[in-house]
Amino acid sequence: MIGRLNHVAIAVPDLEAGIAQYRDVLGAKVSEPQDEPDHGVTVVFVELPNTKIELLYPLGENSPIQGFLDKNTSGGIHHVCYEVDDILAARDKLQASGARVLGDGEPKIGAHGKPVLFLHPKDFNGTLVELEQV
């Protein structure tokens, strides 16, 4: 059902410092910051030959990333994102097997302009999983 790893998301307490670290220290190509109000984050993508790293920074007072950073003040891995061919079929199969889909269970449009869903971390060894339709 899952395809390739699309990205690993890292919450950062300082977006500019995170960008500089990947761009200037590691020599990676980093996208421009992109606000995602529906998800309460500002994101940048670090482009790698085989996948991406997504840096997440809180956007607004109700950002779920702020809660994560309150508990993890230096930041850290927030979630992994896997590609799926059909997000609704993947959702239905996962729910039938007992996995919990966060929110109302309906896909939202993610930072790549494609439908995404998040799966409860308690169902996946403590890891928040994002599925993105490709």
C-alpha atoms as a PDB file:
ATOM      1  CA  MET A   1       0.000   0.000   0.000  1.00  0.00           C
ATOM      2  CA  ILE A   2       2.648   2.589   0.950  1.00  0.00           C
ATOM      3  CA  GLY A   3       5.070   3.722  -1.672  1.00  0.00           C
ATOM      4  CA  ARG A   4       8.273   5.649  -1.367  1.00  0.00           C
ATOM      5  CA  LEU A   5       9.254   7.866   1.532  1.00  0.00           C
ATOM      6  CA  ASN A   6       8.176  11.351   0.500  1.00  0.00           C
ATOM      7  CA  HIS A   7       9.744  13.298   3.376  1.00  0.00           C
ATOM      8  CA  VAL A   8      10.786  13.375   6.998  1.00  0.00           C
ATOM      9  CA  ALA A   9       9.430  16.410   8.851  1.00  0.00           C
ATOM     10  CA  ILE A  10      11.489  18.139  11.517  1.00  0.00           C
ATOM     11  CA  ALA A  11       9.985  20.784  13.801  1.00  0.00           C
ATOM     12  CA  VAL A  12      12.407  23.663  14.336  1.00  0.00           C
ATOM     13  CA  PRO A  13      12.335  26.417  16.978  1.00  0.00           C
ATOM     14  CA  ASP A  14      14.094  28.861  14.607  1.00  0.00           C
ATOM     15  CA  LEU A  15      13.248  28.526  10.925  1.00  0.00           C
ATOM     16  CA  GLU A  16      16.008  30.811   9.646  1.00  0.00           C
ATOM     17  CA  ALA A  17      18.629  28.906  11.654  1.00  0.00           C
ATOM     18  CA  GLY A  18      17.271  25.602  10.311  1.00  0.00           C
ATOM     19  CA  ILE A  19      17.408  26.883   6.740  1.00  0.00           C
ATOM     20  CA  ALA A  20      20.966  28.161   7.219  1.00  0.00           C
ATOM     21  CA  GLN A  21      22.095  24.865   8.718  1.00  0.00           C
ATOM     22  CA  TYR A  22      20.864  22.787   5.782  1.00  0.00           C
ATOM     23  CA  ARG A  23      21.803  25.337   3.097  1.00  0.00           C
ATOM     24  CA  ASP A  24      25.099  26.732   4.390  1.00  0.00           C
ATOM     25  CA  VAL A  25      26.508  23.920   6.522  1.00  0.00           C
ATOM     26  CA  LEU A  26      25.226  20.844   4.679  1.00  0.00           C
ATOM     27  CA  GLY A  27      25.138  22.421   1.210  1.00  0.00           C
ATOM     28  CA  ALA A  28      21.553  21.402   0.400  1.00  0.00           C
ATOM     29  CA  LYS A  29      19.059  23.140  -1.842  1.00  0.00           C
ATOM     30  CA  VAL A  30      16.323  24.660   0.345  1.00  0.00           C
ATOM     31  CA  SER A  31      12.990  26.018  -0.894  1.00  0.00           C
ATOM     32  CA  GLU A  32      11.527  29.363   0.072  1.00  0.00           C
ATOM     33  CA  PRO A  33       9.306  29.370   3.195  1.00  0.00           C
ATOM     34  CA  GLN A  34       5.678  28.577   2.465  1.00  0.00           C
ATOM     35  CA  ASP A  35       2.832  29.342   4.894  1.00  0.00           C
ATOM     36  CA  GLU A  36       0.240  26.577   5.269  1.00  0.00           C
ATOM     37  CA  PRO A  37      -2.564  28.207   7.300  1.00  0.00           C
ATOM     38  CA  ASP A  38      -4.825  25.117   7.140  1.00  0.00           C
ATOM     39  CA  HIS A  39      -2.126  23.150   8.970  1.00  0.00           C
ATOM     40  CA  GLY A  40      -0.829  25.977  11.194  1.00  0.00           C
ATOM     41  CA  VAL A  41       2.739  25.775   9.910  1.00  0.00           C
ATOM     42  CA  THR A  42       5.335  27.466   7.783  1.00  0.00           C
ATOM     43  CA  VAL A  43       7.340  24.904   5.817  1.00  0.00           C
ATOM     44  CA  VAL A  44      10.497  24.732   3.782  1.00  0.00           C
ATOM     45  CA  PHE A  45      11.688  21.708   1.864  1.00  0.00           C
ATOM     46  CA  VAL A  46      15.277  20.523   1.786  1.00  0.00           C
ATOM     47  CA  GLU A  47      15.698  18.704  -1.513  1.00  0.00           C
ATOM     48  CA  LEU A  48      17.756  15.518  -1.463  1.00  0.00           C
ATOM     49  CA  PRO A  49      18.443  13.126  -4.350  1.00  0.00           C
ATOM     50  CA  ASN A  50      16.139  10.420  -2.941  1.00  0.00           C
ATOM     51  CA  THR A  51      13.630  12.290  -0.723  1.00  0.00           C
ATOM     52  CA  LYS A  52      13.020  15.582   1.098  1.00  0.00           C
ATOM     53  CA  ILE A  53      13.358  16.966   4.597  1.00  0.00           C
ATOM     54  CA  GLU A  54      10.498  19.256   5.607  1.00  0.00           C
ATOM     55  CA  LEU A  55      11.298  21.895   8.212  1.00  0.00           C
ATOM     56  CA  LEU A  56       8.190  22.890  10.185  1.00  0.00           C
ATOM     57  CA  TYR A  57       7.774  26.133  12.083  1.00  0.00           C
ATOM     58  CA  PRO A  58       4.635  27.290  13.967  1.00  0.00           C
ATOM     59  CA  LEU A  59       2.270  29.610  12.105  1.00  0.00           C
ATOM     60  CA  GLY A  60      -0.120  31.344  14.477  1.00  0.00           C
ATOM     61  CA  GLU A  61      -0.982  30.818  18.125  1.00  0.00           C
ATOM     62  CA  ASN A  62      -2.917  27.569  17.604  1.00  0.00           C
ATOM     63  CA  SER A  63      -0.223  25.761  15.668  1.00  0.00           C
ATOM     64  CA  PRO A  64       0.088  22.071  16.568  1.00  0.00           C
ATOM     65  CA  ILE A  65       3.828  22.459  16.007  1.00  0.00           C
ATOM     66  CA  GLN A  66       4.033  24.927  18.902  1.00  0.00           C
ATOM     67  CA  GLY A  67       2.787  22.240  21.274  1.00  0.00           C
ATOM     68  CA  PHE A  68       5.426  19.858  19.932  1.00  0.00           C
ATOM     69  CA  LEU A  69       8.145  22.492  20.405  1.00  0.00           C
ATOM     70  CA  ASP A  70       6.938  23.262  23.929  1.00  0.00           C
ATOM     71  CA  LYS A  71       7.727  19.624  24.780  1.00  0.00           C
ATOM     72  CA  ASN A  72      10.853  19.414  22.574  1.00  0.00           C
ATOM     73  CA  THR A  73      12.473  22.827  22.895  1.00  0.00           C
ATOM     74  CA  SER A  74      15.346  22.123  20.502  1.00  0.00           C
ATOM     75  CA  GLY A  75      13.012  20.632  17.896  1.00  0.00           C
ATOM     76  CA  GLY A  76      13.032  17.135  16.497  1.00  0.00           C
ATOM     77  CA  ILE A  77      11.496  14.674  14.089  1.00  0.00           C
ATOM     78  CA  HIS A  78       7.770  15.333  13.925  1.00  0.00           C
ATOM     79  CA  HIS A  79       6.510  12.832  11.332  1.00  0.00           C
ATOM     80  CA  VAL A  80       7.327  10.687   8.323  1.00  0.00           C
ATOM     81  CA  CYS A  81       5.372  10.911   5.080  1.00  0.00           C
ATOM     82  CA  TYR A  82       4.758   7.984   2.743  1.00  0.00           C
ATOM     83  CA  GLU A  83       3.246   8.154  -0.715  1.00  0.00           C
ATOM     84  CA  VAL A  84       0.086   6.246  -1.621  1.00  0.00           C
ATOM     85  CA  ASP A  85      -1.649   5.869  -4.973  1.00  0.00           C
ATOM     86  CA  ASP A  86      -5.193   6.241  -3.631  1.00  0.00           C
ATOM     87  CA  ILE A  87      -5.549   8.017  -0.296  1.00  0.00           C
ATOM     88  CA  LEU A  88      -9.207   7.095   0.224  1.00  0.00           C
ATOM     89  CA  ALA A  89      -8.568   3.390  -0.429  1.00  0.00           C
ATOM     90  CA  ALA A  90      -5.540   3.545   1.907  1.00  0.00           C
ATOM     91  CA  ARG A  91      -7.641   5.265   4.597  1.00  0.00           C
ATOM     92  CA  ASP A  92     -10.420   2.699   4.328  1.00  0.00           C
ATOM     93  CA  LYS A  93      -8.008  -0.239   4.498  1.00  0.00           C
ATOM     94  CA  LEU A  94      -6.177   1.248   7.495  1.00  0.00           C
ATOM     95  CA  GLN A  95      -9.384   2.014   9.371  1.00  0.00           C
ATOM     96  CA  ALA A  96     -10.677  -1.508   8.670  1.00  0.00           C
ATOM     97  CA  SER A  97      -7.496  -2.855  10.271  1.00  0.00           C
ATOM     98  CA  GLY A  98      -8.002  -0.666  13.371  1.00  0.00           C
ATOM     99  CA  ALA A  99      -5.644   2.236  12.604  1.00  0.00           C
ATOM    100  CA  ARG A 100      -6.893   5.672  13.634  1.00  0.00           C
ATOM    101  CA  VAL A 101      -6.938   8.553  11.182  1.00  0.00           C
ATOM    102  CA  LEU A 102      -6.560  11.929  12.867  1.00  0.00           C
ATOM    103  CA  GLY A 103      -9.042  14.751  12.408  1.00  0.00           C
ATOM    104  CA  ASP A 104     -12.346  14.062  10.690  1.00  0.00           C
ATOM    105  CA  GLY A 105     -10.860  11.327   8.488  1.00  0.00           C
ATOM    106  CA  GLU A 106     -11.151  13.380   5.330  1.00  0.00           C
ATOM    107  CA  PRO A 107      -7.992  14.311   3.400  1.00  0.00           C
ATOM    108  CA  LYS A 108      -6.758  17.899   3.458  1.00  0.00           C
ATOM    109  CA  ILE A 109      -4.542  19.510   0.856  1.00  0.00           C
ATOM    110  CA  GLY A 110      -0.924  19.437   2.027  1.00  0.00           C
ATOM    111  CA  ALA A 111       2.124  21.554   1.279  1.00  0.00           C
ATOM    112  CA  HIS A 112       2.680  19.834  -2.092  1.00  0.00           C
ATOM    113  CA  GLY A 113      -0.884  20.637  -3.204  1.00  0.00           C
ATOM    114  CA  LYS A 114      -1.929  16.978  -2.846  1.00  0.00           C
ATOM    115  CA  PRO A 115      -4.362  15.228  -0.471  1.00  0.00           C
ATOM    116  CA  VAL A 116      -2.881  14.134   2.874  1.00  0.00           C
ATOM    117  CA  LEU A 117      -4.000  12.282   6.003  1.00  0.00           C
ATOM    118  CA  PHE A 118      -2.289  11.724   9.337  1.00  0.00           C
ATOM    119  CA  LEU A 119      -2.347   8.468  11.296  1.00  0.00           C
ATOM    120  CA  HIS A 120      -2.293   8.280  15.086  1.00  0.00           C
ATOM    121  CA  PRO A 121       1.252   7.771  16.415  1.00  0.00           C
ATOM    122  CA  LYS A 122       0.083   5.256  19.029  1.00  0.00           C
ATOM    123  CA  ASP A 123      -0.878   2.928  16.173  1.00  0.00           C
ATOM    124  CA  PHE A 124       2.579   3.163  14.529  1.00  0.00           C
ATOM    125  CA  ASN A 125       5.181   2.652  17.248  1.00  0.00           C
ATOM    126  CA  GLY A 126       5.023   6.233  18.497  1.00  0.00           C
ATOM    127  CA  THR A 127       5.523   7.750  15.052  1.00  0.00           C
ATOM    128  CA  LEU A 128       3.116  10.235  13.503  1.00  0.00           C
ATOM    129  CA  VAL A 129       2.585   9.046   9.918  1.00  0.00           C
ATOM    130  CA  GLU A 130       1.425  11.241   7.051  1.00  0.00           C
ATOM    131  CA  LEU A 131       0.079   9.705   3.852  1.00  0.00           C
ATOM    132  CA  GLU A 132       0.199  11.751   0.644  1.00  0.00           C
ATOM    133  CA  GLN A 133      -1.566  10.799  -2.550  1.00  0.00           C
ATOM    134  CA  VAL A 134       0.701  10.926  -5.599  1.00  0.00           C
END
